[in-house]
PDB file of N, CA and C in Angstrom:
ATOM      1  N   MET A   1      42.162  19.364  -2.885  1.00  0.00           N
ATOM      2  CA  MET A   1      41.502  19.303  -4.164  1.00  0.00           C
ATOM      3  C   MET A   1      40.681  18.017  -4.300  1.00  0.00           C
ATOM      4  N   ALA A   2      41.242  16.879  -3.839  1.00  0.00           N
ATOM      5  CA  ALA A   2      40.536  15.610  -3.953  1.00  0.00           C
ATOM      6  C   ALA A   2      39.276  15.618  -3.107  1.00  0.00           C
ATOM      7  N   CYS A   3      39.334  16.261  -1.958  1.00  0.00           N
ATOM      8  CA  CYS A   3      38.169  16.347  -1.069  1.00  0.00           C
ATOM      9  C   CYS A   3      37.048  17.134  -1.746  1.00  0.00           C
ATOM     10  N   THR A   4      37.377  18.222  -2.395  1.00  0.00           N
ATOM     11  CA  THR A   4      36.389  19.035  -3.098  1.00  0.00           C
ATOM     12  C   THR A   4      35.766  18.253  -4.241  1.00  0.00           C
ATOM     13  N   ASP A   5      36.592  17.478  -4.941  1.00  0.00           N
ATOM     14  CA  ASP A   5      36.094  16.659  -6.049  1.00  0.00           C
ATOM     15  C   ASP A   5      35.116  15.604  -5.541  1.00  0.00           C
ATOM     16  N   ARG A   6      35.425  14.983  -4.418  1.00  0.00           N
ATOM     17  CA  ARG A   6      34.531  13.969  -3.835  1.00  0.00           C
ATOM     18  C   ARG A   6      33.215  14.597  -3.402  1.00  0.00           C
ATOM     19  N   ARG A   7      33.303  15.767  -2.790  1.00  0.00           N
ATOM     20  CA  ARG A   7      32.076  16.448  -2.369  1.00  0.00           C
ATOM     21  C   ARG A   7      31.210  16.805  -3.574  1.00  0.00           C
ATOM     22  N   GLY A   8      31.850  17.236  -4.636  1.00  0.00           N
ATOM     23  CA  GLY A   8      31.117  17.574  -5.857  1.00  0.00           C
ATOM     24  C   GLY A   8      30.415  16.361  -6.438  1.00  0.00           C
ATOM     25  N   ARG A   9      31.123  15.229  -6.471  1.00  0.00           N
ATOM     26  CA  ARG A   9      30.506  13.998  -6.989  1.00  0.00           C
ATOM     27  C   ARG A   9      29.375  13.531  -6.080  1.00  0.00           C
ATOM     28  N   LEU A  10      29.593  13.628  -4.783  1.00  0.00           N
ATOM     29  CA  LEU A  10      28.560  13.228  -3.836  1.00  0.00           C
ATOM     30  C   LEU A  10      27.308  14.097  -4.009  1.00  0.00           C
ATOM     31  N   LEU A  11      27.503  15.389  -4.129  1.00  0.00           N
ATOM     32  CA  LEU A  11      26.390  16.302  -4.329  1.00  0.00           C
ATOM     33  C   LEU A  11      25.665  16.007  -5.643  1.00  0.00           C
ATOM     34  N   GLN A  12      26.418  15.701  -6.681  1.00  0.00           N
ATOM     35  CA  GLN A  12      25.814  15.381  -7.971  1.00  0.00           C
ATOM     36  C   GLN A  12      24.982  14.102  -7.878  1.00  0.00           C
ATOM     37  N   GLN A  13      25.506  13.073  -7.219  1.00  0.00           N
ATOM     38  CA  GLN A  13      24.775  11.820  -7.076  1.00  0.00           C
ATOM     39  C   GLN A  13      23.520  12.017  -6.230  1.00  0.00           C
ATOM     40  N   LEU A  14      23.651  12.806  -5.176  1.00  0.00           N
ATOM     41  CA  LEU A  14      22.515  13.064  -4.310  1.00  0.00           C
ATOM     42  C   LEU A  14      21.409  13.801  -5.072  1.00  0.00           C
ATOM     43  N   CYS A  15      21.789  14.805  -5.822  1.00  0.00           N
ATOM     44  CA  CYS A  15      20.804  15.567  -6.599  1.00  0.00           C
ATOM     45  C   CYS A  15      20.160  14.707  -7.688  1.00  0.00           C
ATOM     46  N   THR A  16      20.881  13.740  -8.189  1.00  0.00           N
ATOM     47  CA  THR A  16      20.329  12.843  -9.199  1.00  0.00           C
ATOM     48  C   THR A  16      19.368  11.839  -8.566  1.00  0.00           C
ATOM     49  N   ALA A  17      19.643  11.392  -7.358  1.00  0.00           N
ATOM     50  CA  ALA A  17      18.844  10.353  -6.706  1.00  0.00           C
ATOM     51  C   ALA A  17      17.549  10.879  -6.093  1.00  0.00           C
ATOM     52  N   ILE A  18      17.546  12.087  -5.598  1.00  0.00           N
ATOM     53  CA  ILE A  18      16.388  12.604  -4.864  1.00  0.00           C
ATOM     54  C   ILE A  18      15.098  12.583  -5.683  1.00  0.00           C
ATOM     55  N   PRO A  19      15.077  13.025  -6.926  1.00  0.00           N
ATOM     56  CA  PRO A  19      13.804  12.952  -7.679  1.00  0.00           C
ATOM     57  C   PRO A  19      13.267  11.526  -7.802  1.00  0.00           C
ATOM     58  N   ASN A  20      14.160  10.550  -7.956  1.00  0.00           N
ATOM     59  CA  ASN A  20      13.714   9.155  -8.044  1.00  0.00           C
ATOM     60  C   ASN A  20      13.121   8.679  -6.728  1.00  0.00           C
ATOM     61  N   VAL A  21      13.705   9.108  -5.615  1.00  0.00           N
ATOM     62  CA  VAL A  21      13.176   8.734  -4.303  1.00  0.00           C
ATOM     63  C   VAL A  21      11.762   9.281  -4.142  1.00  0.00           C
ATOM     64  N   PHE A  22      11.554  10.535  -4.478  1.00  0.00           N
ATOM     65  CA  PHE A  22      10.224  11.129  -4.350  1.00  0.00           C
ATOM     66  C   PHE A  22       9.226  10.499  -5.318  1.00  0.00           C
ATOM     67  N   ALA A  23       9.663  10.172  -6.512  1.00  0.00           N
ATOM     68  CA  ALA A  23       8.768   9.534  -7.487  1.00  0.00           C
ATOM     69  C   ALA A  23       8.337   8.158  -6.991  1.00  0.00           C
ATOM     70  N   SER A  24       9.273   7.386  -6.449  1.00  0.00           N
ATOM     71  CA  SER A  24       8.946   6.058  -5.927  1.00  0.00           C
ATOM     72  C   SER A  24       7.985   6.162  -4.760  1.00  0.00           C
ATOM     73  N   ARG A  25       8.219   7.135  -3.902  1.00  0.00           N
ATOM     74  CA  ARG A  25       7.336   7.320  -2.755  1.00  0.00           C
ATOM     75  C   ARG A  25       5.924   7.672  -3.216  1.00  0.00           C
ATOM     76  N   SER A  26       5.825   8.507  -4.227  1.00  0.00           N
ATOM     77  CA  SER A  26       4.513   8.884  -4.748  1.00  0.00           C
ATOM     78  C   SER A  26       3.774   7.673  -5.315  1.00  0.00           C
ATOM     79  N   GLU A  27       4.502   6.797  -5.991  1.00  0.00           N
ATOM     80  CA  GLU A  27       3.879   5.592  -6.551  1.00  0.00           C
ATOM     81  C   GLU A  27       3.352   4.688  -5.448  1.00  0.00           C
ATOM     82  N   VAL A  28       4.124   4.534  -4.373  1.00  0.00           N
ATOM     83  CA  VAL A  28       3.688   3.705  -3.248  1.00  0.00           C
ATOM     84  C   VAL A  28       2.451   4.313  -2.598  1.00  0.00           C
ATOM     85  N   GLU A  29       2.464   5.620  -2.378  1.00  0.00           N
ATOM     86  CA  GLU A  29       1.312   6.293  -1.790  1.00  0.00           C
ATOM     87  C   GLU A  29       0.083   6.155  -2.677  1.00  0.00           C
ATOM     88  N   ALA A  30       0.268   6.293  -3.968  1.00  0.00           N
ATOM     89  CA  ALA A  30      -0.862   6.168  -4.889  1.00  0.00           C
ATOM     90  C   ALA A  30      -1.451   4.766  -4.833  1.00  0.00           C
ATOM     91  N   ALA A  31      -0.608   3.759  -4.723  1.00  0.00           N
ATOM     92  CA  ALA A  31      -1.098   2.380  -4.635  1.00  0.00           C
ATOM     93  C   ALA A  31      -1.803   2.140  -3.300  1.00  0.00           C
ATOM     94  N   ARG A  32      -1.290   2.736  -2.252  1.00  0.00           N
ATOM     95  CA  ARG A  32      -1.879   2.546  -0.923  1.00  0.00           C
ATOM     96  C   ARG A  32      -3.262   3.171  -0.836  1.00  0.00           C
ATOM     97  N   TYR A  33      -3.436   4.315  -1.447  1.00  0.00           N
ATOM     98  CA  TYR A  33      -4.702   5.027  -1.363  1.00  0.00           C
ATOM     99  C   TYR A  33      -5.440   5.021  -2.692  1.00  0.00           C
ATOM    100  N   ALA A  34      -5.336   3.919  -3.401  1.00  0.00           N
ATOM    101  CA  ALA A  34      -5.994   3.824  -4.709  1.00  0.00           C
ATOM    102  C   ALA A  34      -7.504   3.843  -4.521  1.00  0.00           C
ATOM    103  N   ASN A  35      -8.115   4.823  -5.077  1.00  0.00           N
ATOM    104  CA  ASN A  35      -9.572   4.917  -5.068  1.00  0.00           C
ATOM    105  C   ASN A  35     -10.060   4.802  -6.508  1.00  0.00           C
ATOM    106  N   VAL A  36     -10.866   3.817  -6.737  1.00  0.00           N
ATOM    107  CA  VAL A  36     -11.407   3.611  -8.066  1.00  0.00           C
ATOM    108  C   VAL A  36     -12.902   3.898  -8.010  1.00  0.00           C
ATOM    109  N   TRP A  37     -13.304   4.905  -8.731  1.00  0.00           N
ATOM    110  CA  TRP A  37     -14.701   5.291  -8.756  1.00  0.00           C
ATOM    111  C   TRP A  37     -15.254   5.096 -10.155  1.00  0.00           C
ATOM    112  N   SER A  38     -16.477   4.650 -10.209  1.00  0.00           N
ATOM    113  CA  SER A  38     -17.121   4.454 -11.487  1.00  0.00           C
ATOM    114  C   SER A  38     -18.608   4.683 -11.314  1.00  0.00           C
ATOM    115  N   LEU A  39     -19.230   5.219 -12.341  1.00  0.00           N
ATOM    116  CA  LEU A  39     -20.671   5.401 -12.297  1.00  0.00           C
ATOM    117  C   LEU A  39     -21.406   4.099 -12.597  1.00  0.00           C
ATOM    118  N   THR A  40     -20.693   3.144 -13.177  1.00  0.00           N
ATOM    119  CA  THR A  40     -21.290   1.847 -13.464  1.00  0.00           C
ATOM    120  C   THR A  40     -20.517   0.758 -12.728  1.00  0.00           C
ATOM    121  N   VAL A  41     -21.205  -0.272 -12.345  1.00  0.00           N
ATOM    122  CA  VAL A  41     -20.569  -1.396 -11.660  1.00  0.00           C
ATOM    123  C   VAL A  41     -20.030  -2.359 -12.710  1.00  0.00           C
ATOM    124  N   PRO A  42     -18.710  -2.640 -12.671  1.00  0.00           N
ATOM    125  CA  PRO A  42     -18.176  -3.587 -13.645  1.00  0.00           C
ATOM    126  C   PRO A  42     -18.715  -4.992 -13.375  1.00  0.00           C
ATOM    127  N   PRO A  43     -18.789  -5.814 -14.402  1.00  0.00           N
ATOM    128  CA  PRO A  43     -19.312  -7.173 -14.195  1.00  0.00           C
ATOM    129  C   PRO A  43     -18.375  -8.012 -13.335  1.00  0.00           C
ATOM    130  N   LYS A  44     -18.963  -8.917 -12.582  1.00  0.00           N
ATOM    131  CA  LYS A  44     -18.206  -9.854 -11.761  1.00  0.00           C
ATOM    132  C   LYS A  44     -17.393 -10.757 -12.677  1.00  0.00           C
ATOM    133  N   ALA A  45     -16.128 -11.012 -12.288  1.00  0.00           N
ATOM    134  CA  ALA A  45     -15.261 -11.865 -13.101  1.00  0.00           C
ATOM    135  C   ALA A  45     -14.372 -12.702 -12.185  1.00  0.00           C
ATOM    136  N   ALA A  46     -13.610 -13.605 -12.768  1.00  0.00           N
ATOM    137  CA  ALA A  46     -12.725 -14.475 -11.996  1.00  0.00           C
ATOM    138  C   ALA A  46     -11.586 -13.700 -11.336  1.00  0.00           C
ATOM    139  N   ASN A  47     -11.262 -12.512 -11.856  1.00  0.00           N
ATOM    140  CA  ASN A  47     -10.123 -11.761 -11.321  1.00  0.00           C
ATOM    141  C   ASN A  47     -10.538 -10.433 -10.686  1.00  0.00           C
ATOM    142  N   THR A  48     -11.782 -10.333 -10.205  1.00  0.00           N
ATOM    143  CA  THR A  48     -12.225  -9.084  -9.598  1.00  0.00           C
ATOM    144  C   THR A  48     -12.293  -9.211  -8.086  1.00  0.00           C
ATOM    145  N   LEU A  49     -12.273  -8.052  -7.451  1.00  0.00           N
ATOM    146  CA  LEU A  49     -12.183  -7.976  -5.997  1.00  0.00           C
ATOM    147  C   LEU A  49     -13.061  -6.828  -5.528  1.00  0.00           C
ATOM    148  N   LEU A  50     -13.867  -7.058  -4.506  1.00  0.00           N
ATOM    149  CA  LEU A  50     -14.643  -5.988  -3.896  1.00  0.00           C
ATOM    150  C   LEU A  50     -13.807  -5.370  -2.787  1.00  0.00           C
ATOM    151  N   VAL A  51     -13.736  -4.039  -2.748  1.00  0.00           N
ATOM    152  CA  VAL A  51     -12.909  -3.339  -1.767  1.00  0.00           C
ATOM    153  C   VAL A  51     -13.734  -2.223  -1.129  1.00  0.00           C
ATOM    154  N   ALA A  52     -13.645  -2.121   0.195  1.00  0.00           N
ATOM    155  CA  ALA A  52     -14.298  -1.032   0.924  1.00  0.00           C
ATOM    156  C   ALA A  52     -13.333  -0.504   1.973  1.00  0.00           C
ATOM    157  N   ASP A  53     -13.337   0.806   2.184  1.00  0.00           N
ATOM    158  CA  ASP A  53     -12.497   1.404   3.221  1.00  0.00           C
ATOM    159  C   ASP A  53     -13.088   1.109   4.593  1.00  0.00           C
ATOM    160  N   ALA A  54     -12.203   0.939   5.574  1.00  0.00           N
ATOM    161  CA  ALA A  54     -12.616   0.730   6.956  1.00  0.00           C
ATOM    162  C   ALA A  54     -11.722   1.584   7.843  1.00  0.00           C
ATOM    163  N   GLU A  55     -12.343   2.329   8.748  1.00  0.00           N
ATOM    164  CA  GLU A  55     -11.578   3.188   9.654  1.00  0.00           C
ATOM    165  C   GLU A  55     -12.079   2.988  11.078  1.00  0.00           C
ATOM    166  N   THR A  56     -11.149   3.053  12.034  1.00  0.00           N
ATOM    167  CA  THR A  56     -11.493   2.962  13.437  1.00  0.00           C
ATOM    168  C   THR A  56     -10.404   3.659  14.243  1.00  0.00           C
ATOM    169  N   THR A  57     -10.571   3.696  15.536  1.00  0.00           N
ATOM    170  CA  THR A  57      -9.525   4.218  16.414  1.00  0.00           C
ATOM    171  C   THR A  57      -9.211   3.175  17.464  1.00  0.00           C
ATOM    172  N   TRP A  58      -7.984   3.185  17.909  1.00  0.00           N
ATOM    173  CA  TRP A  58      -7.539   2.306  18.985  1.00  0.00           C
ATOM    174  C   TRP A  58      -6.753   3.179  19.929  1.00  0.00           C
ATOM    175  N   HIS A  59      -7.291   3.388  21.123  1.00  0.00           N
ATOM    176  CA  HIS A  59      -6.776   4.395  22.050  1.00  0.00           C
ATOM    177  C   HIS A  59      -6.825   5.746  21.332  1.00  0.00           C
ATOM    178  N   ASP A  60      -5.715   6.389  21.121  1.00  0.00           N
ATOM    179  CA  ASP A  60      -5.717   7.674  20.417  1.00  0.00           C
ATOM    180  C   ASP A  60      -5.218   7.559  18.983  1.00  0.00           C
ATOM    181  N   ASP A  61      -5.005   6.342  18.513  1.00  0.00           N
ATOM    182  CA  ASP A  61      -4.469   6.132  17.169  1.00  0.00           C
ATOM    183  C   ASP A  61      -5.594   5.883  16.174  1.00  0.00           C
ATOM    184  N   SER A  62      -5.485   6.535  15.033  1.00  0.00           N
ATOM    185  CA  SER A  62      -6.425   6.312  13.940  1.00  0.00           C
ATOM    186  C   SER A  62      -5.913   5.145  13.113  1.00  0.00           C
ATOM    187  N   ILE A  63      -6.781   4.185  12.843  1.00  0.00           N
ATOM    188  CA  ILE A  63      -6.394   2.999  12.077  1.00  0.00           C
ATOM    189  C   ILE A  63      -7.261   2.927  10.832  1.00  0.00           C
ATOM    190  N   MET A  64      -6.598   2.858   9.680  1.00  0.00           N
ATOM    191  CA  MET A  64      -7.316   2.740   8.413  1.00  0.00           C
ATOM    192  C   MET A  64      -7.014   1.378   7.804  1.00  0.00           C
ATOM    193  N   GLY A  65      -7.992   0.808   7.167  1.00  0.00           N
ATOM    194  CA  GLY A  65      -7.796  -0.490   6.543  1.00  0.00           C
ATOM    195  C   GLY A  65      -8.729  -0.663   5.368  1.00  0.00           C
ATOM    196  N   ARG A  66      -8.746  -1.860   4.854  1.00  0.00           N
ATOM    197  CA  ARG A  66      -9.607  -2.192   3.722  1.00  0.00           C
ATOM    198  C   ARG A  66     -10.325  -3.507   4.007  1.00  0.00           C
ATOM    199  N   LEU A  67     -11.569  -3.538   3.653  1.00  0.00           N
ATOM    200  CA  LEU A  67     -12.330  -4.782   3.659  1.00  0.00           C
ATOM    201  C   LEU A  67     -12.280  -5.304   2.235  1.00  0.00           C
ATOM    202  N   VAL A  68     -11.847  -6.534   2.064  1.00  0.00           N
ATOM    203  CA  VAL A  68     -11.727  -7.092   0.720  1.00  0.00           C
ATOM    204  C   VAL A  68     -12.487  -8.411   0.637  1.00  0.00           C
ATOM    205  N   GLU A  69     -13.062  -8.640  -0.524  1.00  0.00           N
ATOM    206  CA  GLU A  69     -13.760  -9.899  -0.773  1.00  0.00           C
ATOM    207  C   GLU A  69     -13.525 -10.297  -2.223  1.00  0.00           C
ATOM    208  N   PRO A  70     -12.916 -11.462  -2.426  1.00  0.00           N
ATOM    209  CA  PRO A  70     -12.686 -11.903  -3.804  1.00  0.00           C
ATOM    210  C   PRO A  70     -14.005 -12.287  -4.462  1.00  0.00           C
ATOM    211  N   GLU A  71     -14.140 -11.924  -5.724  1.00  0.00           N
ATOM    212  CA  GLU A  71     -15.337 -12.323  -6.476  1.00  0.00           C
ATOM    213  C   GLU A  71     -15.081 -13.571  -7.308  1.00  0.00           C
ATOM    214  N   GLY A  72     -13.829 -13.894  -7.513  1.00  0.00           N
ATOM    215  CA  GLY A  72     -13.490 -15.066  -8.311  1.00  0.00           C
ATOM    216  C   GLY A  72     -12.222 -15.721  -7.796  1.00  0.00           C
ATOM    217  N   ARG A  73     -11.857 -16.830  -8.396  1.00  0.00           N
ATOM    218  CA  ARG A  73     -10.683 -17.602  -7.954  1.00  0.00           C
ATOM    219  C   ARG A  73      -9.355 -16.917  -8.225  1.00  0.00           C
ATOM    220  N   ARG A  74      -9.316 -16.031  -9.218  1.00  0.00           N
ATOM    221  CA  ARG A  74      -8.053 -15.385  -9.578  1.00  0.00           C
ATOM    222  C   ARG A  74      -7.964 -13.944  -9.085  1.00  0.00           C
ATOM    223  N   ALA A  75      -8.743 -13.589  -8.078  1.00  0.00           N
ATOM    224  CA  ALA A  75      -8.705 -12.229  -7.531  1.00  0.00           C
ATOM    225  C   ALA A  75      -7.314 -11.963  -6.941  1.00  0.00           C
ATOM    226  N   PRO A  76      -6.781 -10.754  -7.115  1.00  0.00           N
ATOM    227  CA  PRO A  76      -5.446 -10.449  -6.594  1.00  0.00           C
ATOM    228  C   PRO A  76      -5.432 -10.492  -5.064  1.00  0.00           C
ATOM    229  N   LEU A  77      -4.385 -11.086  -4.517  1.00  0.00           N
ATOM    230  CA  LEU A  77      -4.245 -11.189  -3.066  1.00  0.00           C
ATOM    231  C   LEU A  77      -3.847  -9.841  -2.465  1.00  0.00           C
ATOM    232  N   PRO A  78      -4.207  -9.609  -1.207  1.00  0.00           N
ATOM    233  CA  PRO A  78      -3.757  -8.386  -0.539  1.00  0.00           C
ATOM    234  C   PRO A  78      -2.229  -8.373  -0.452  1.00  0.00           C
ATOM    235  N   PRO A  79      -1.605  -7.191  -0.429  1.00  0.00           N
ATOM    236  CA  PRO A  79      -0.141  -7.121  -0.339  1.00  0.00           C
ATOM    237  C   PRO A  79       0.376  -7.885   0.874  1.00  0.00           C
ATOM    238  N   GLY A  80       1.364  -8.727   0.654  1.00  0.00           N
ATOM    239  CA  GLY A  80       1.985  -9.488   1.733  1.00  0.00           C
ATOM    240  C   GLY A  80       1.206 -10.719   2.155  1.00  0.00           C
ATOM    241  N   GLY A  81       0.064 -10.967   1.556  1.00  0.00           N
ATOM    242  CA  GLY A  81      -0.746 -12.111   1.949  1.00  0.00           C
ATOM    243  C   GLY A  81      -0.564 -13.283   1.003  1.00  0.00           C
ATOM    244  N   ASP A  82      -0.698 -14.483   1.541  1.00  0.00           N
ATOM    245  CA  ASP A  82      -0.617 -15.672   0.693  1.00  0.00           C
ATOM    246  C   ASP A  82      -2.002 -16.291   0.474  1.00  0.00           C
ATOM    247  N   ARG A  83      -3.009 -15.717   1.168  1.00  0.00           N
ATOM    248  CA  ARG A  83      -4.400 -16.139   0.985  1.00  0.00           C
ATOM    249  C   ARG A  83      -5.303 -15.033   1.516  1.00  0.00           C
ATOM    250  N   PHE A  84      -6.576 -15.112   1.177  1.00  0.00           N
ATOM    251  CA  PHE A  84      -7.537 -14.165   1.719  1.00  0.00           C
ATOM    252  C   PHE A  84      -7.920 -14.595   3.125  1.00  0.00           C
ATOM    253  N   PRO A  85      -8.124 -13.647   4.030  1.00  0.00           N
ATOM    254  CA  PRO A  85      -8.598 -14.023   5.367  1.00  0.00           C
ATOM    255  C   PRO A  85      -9.963 -14.697   5.270  1.00  0.00           C
ATOM    256  N   GLY A  86     -10.190 -15.666   6.134  1.00  0.00           N
ATOM    257  CA  GLY A  86     -11.462 -16.367   6.165  1.00  0.00           C
ATOM    258  C   GLY A  86     -12.515 -15.583   6.938  1.00  0.00           C
ATOM    259  N   GLU A  87     -13.681 -16.155   7.061  1.00  0.00           N
ATOM    260  CA  GLU A  87     -14.776 -15.529   7.795  1.00  0.00           C
ATOM    261  C   GLU A  87     -14.338 -15.240   9.231  1.00  0.00           C
ATOM    262  N   GLY A  88     -14.475 -13.995   9.656  1.00  0.00           N
ATOM    263  CA  GLY A  88     -14.105 -13.599  11.015  1.00  0.00           C
ATOM    264  C   GLY A  88     -12.609 -13.411  11.236  1.00  0.00           C
ATOM    265  N   GLU A  89     -11.789 -13.532  10.202  1.00  0.00           N
ATOM    266  CA  GLU A  89     -10.346 -13.349  10.318  1.00  0.00           C
ATOM    267  C   GLU A  89      -9.946 -11.965   9.823  1.00  0.00           C
ATOM    268  N   MET A  90      -8.753 -11.548  10.229  1.00  0.00           N
ATOM    269  CA  MET A  90      -8.225 -10.262   9.811  1.00  0.00           C
ATOM    270  C   MET A  90      -6.735 -10.425   9.534  1.00  0.00           C
ATOM    271  N   ALA A  91      -6.262  -9.795   8.484  1.00  0.00           N
ATOM    272  CA  ALA A  91      -4.830  -9.803   8.179  1.00  0.00           C
ATOM    273  C   ALA A  91      -4.285  -8.413   8.494  1.00  0.00           C
ATOM    274  N   VAL A  92      -3.183  -8.367   9.214  1.00  0.00           N
ATOM    275  CA  VAL A  92      -2.543  -7.092   9.544  1.00  0.00           C
ATOM    276  C   VAL A  92      -1.068  -7.188   9.220  1.00  0.00           C
ATOM    277  N   GLY A  93      -0.436  -6.047   9.057  1.00  0.00           N
ATOM    278  CA  GLY A  93       0.993  -6.038   8.778  1.00  0.00           C
ATOM    279  C   GLY A  93       1.641  -4.808   9.371  1.00  0.00           C
ATOM    280  N   GLY A  94       2.932  -4.788   9.331  1.00  0.00           N
ATOM    281  CA  GLY A  94       3.675  -3.638   9.837  1.00  0.00           C
ATOM    282  C   GLY A  94       3.554  -3.520  11.335  1.00  0.00           C
ATOM    283  N   PRO A  95       3.538  -2.295  11.874  1.00  0.00           N
ATOM    284  CA  PRO A  95       3.496  -2.098  13.302  1.00  0.00           C
ATOM    285  C   PRO A  95       2.201  -2.605  13.942  1.00  0.00           C
ATOM    286  N   ARG A  96       1.116  -2.663  13.167  1.00  0.00           N
ATOM    287  CA  ARG A  96      -0.150  -3.125  13.717  1.00  0.00           C
ATOM    288  C   ARG A  96      -0.105  -4.610  14.069  1.00  0.00           C
ATOM    289  N   ASP A  97       0.816  -5.335  13.476  1.00  0.00           N
ATOM    290  CA  ASP A  97       0.933  -6.757  13.745  1.00  0.00           C
ATOM    291  C   ASP A  97       1.300  -7.020  15.200  1.00  0.00           C
ATOM    292  N   ALA A  98       1.941  -6.058  15.841  1.00  0.00           N
ATOM    293  CA  ALA A  98       2.367  -6.215  17.227  1.00  0.00           C
ATOM    294  C   ALA A  98       1.264  -5.864  18.221  1.00  0.00           C
ATOM    295  N   LEU A  99       0.166  -5.239  17.757  1.00  0.00           N
ATOM    296  CA  LEU A  99      -0.915  -4.861  18.651  1.00  0.00           C
ATOM    297  C   LEU A  99      -1.662  -6.098  19.131  1.00  0.00           C
ATOM    298  N   PRO A 100      -2.184  -6.064  20.356  1.00  0.00           N
ATOM    299  CA  PRO A 100      -2.970  -7.207  20.830  1.00  0.00           C
ATOM    300  C   PRO A 100      -4.251  -7.334  20.029  1.00  0.00           C
ATOM    301  N   ARG A 101      -4.675  -8.549  19.840  1.00  0.00           N
ATOM    302  CA  ARG A 101      -5.897  -8.812  19.062  1.00  0.00           C
ATOM    303  C   ARG A 101      -7.015  -9.244  19.967  1.00  0.00           C
TER     304      ARG A 101
END
C-alpha cells in the first residue's frame, strides 16, 4: 500500500512539474530567437543596441549567431558577457567555445 501511495504522489508531482518545464523552455527559446520588427527605426539612445543575425557553416555544422553593436553606454550586454567584444573580436559560449578559432 505504501508503495502505491508513493507512486501516486510521484506521478502527481511529475504531472504538476511538466507544464512548468515546458513553459520555461518556451521562454528561453523565445529570448534566444527574439526578432523585433518595426516599420520605423527607433531613435538612438543610451540603452539601445543594434542586432543582426549571422549564419555560417563549419564543416557540416550550421552555426547561428548575432552581430551586436551598442549605440550607447548603457546598452544591454550579451548573455554571459561582461563587456562587448572589441573590433575584430568575437564572443562565443557553450560548445562553440571549444572549437578552434
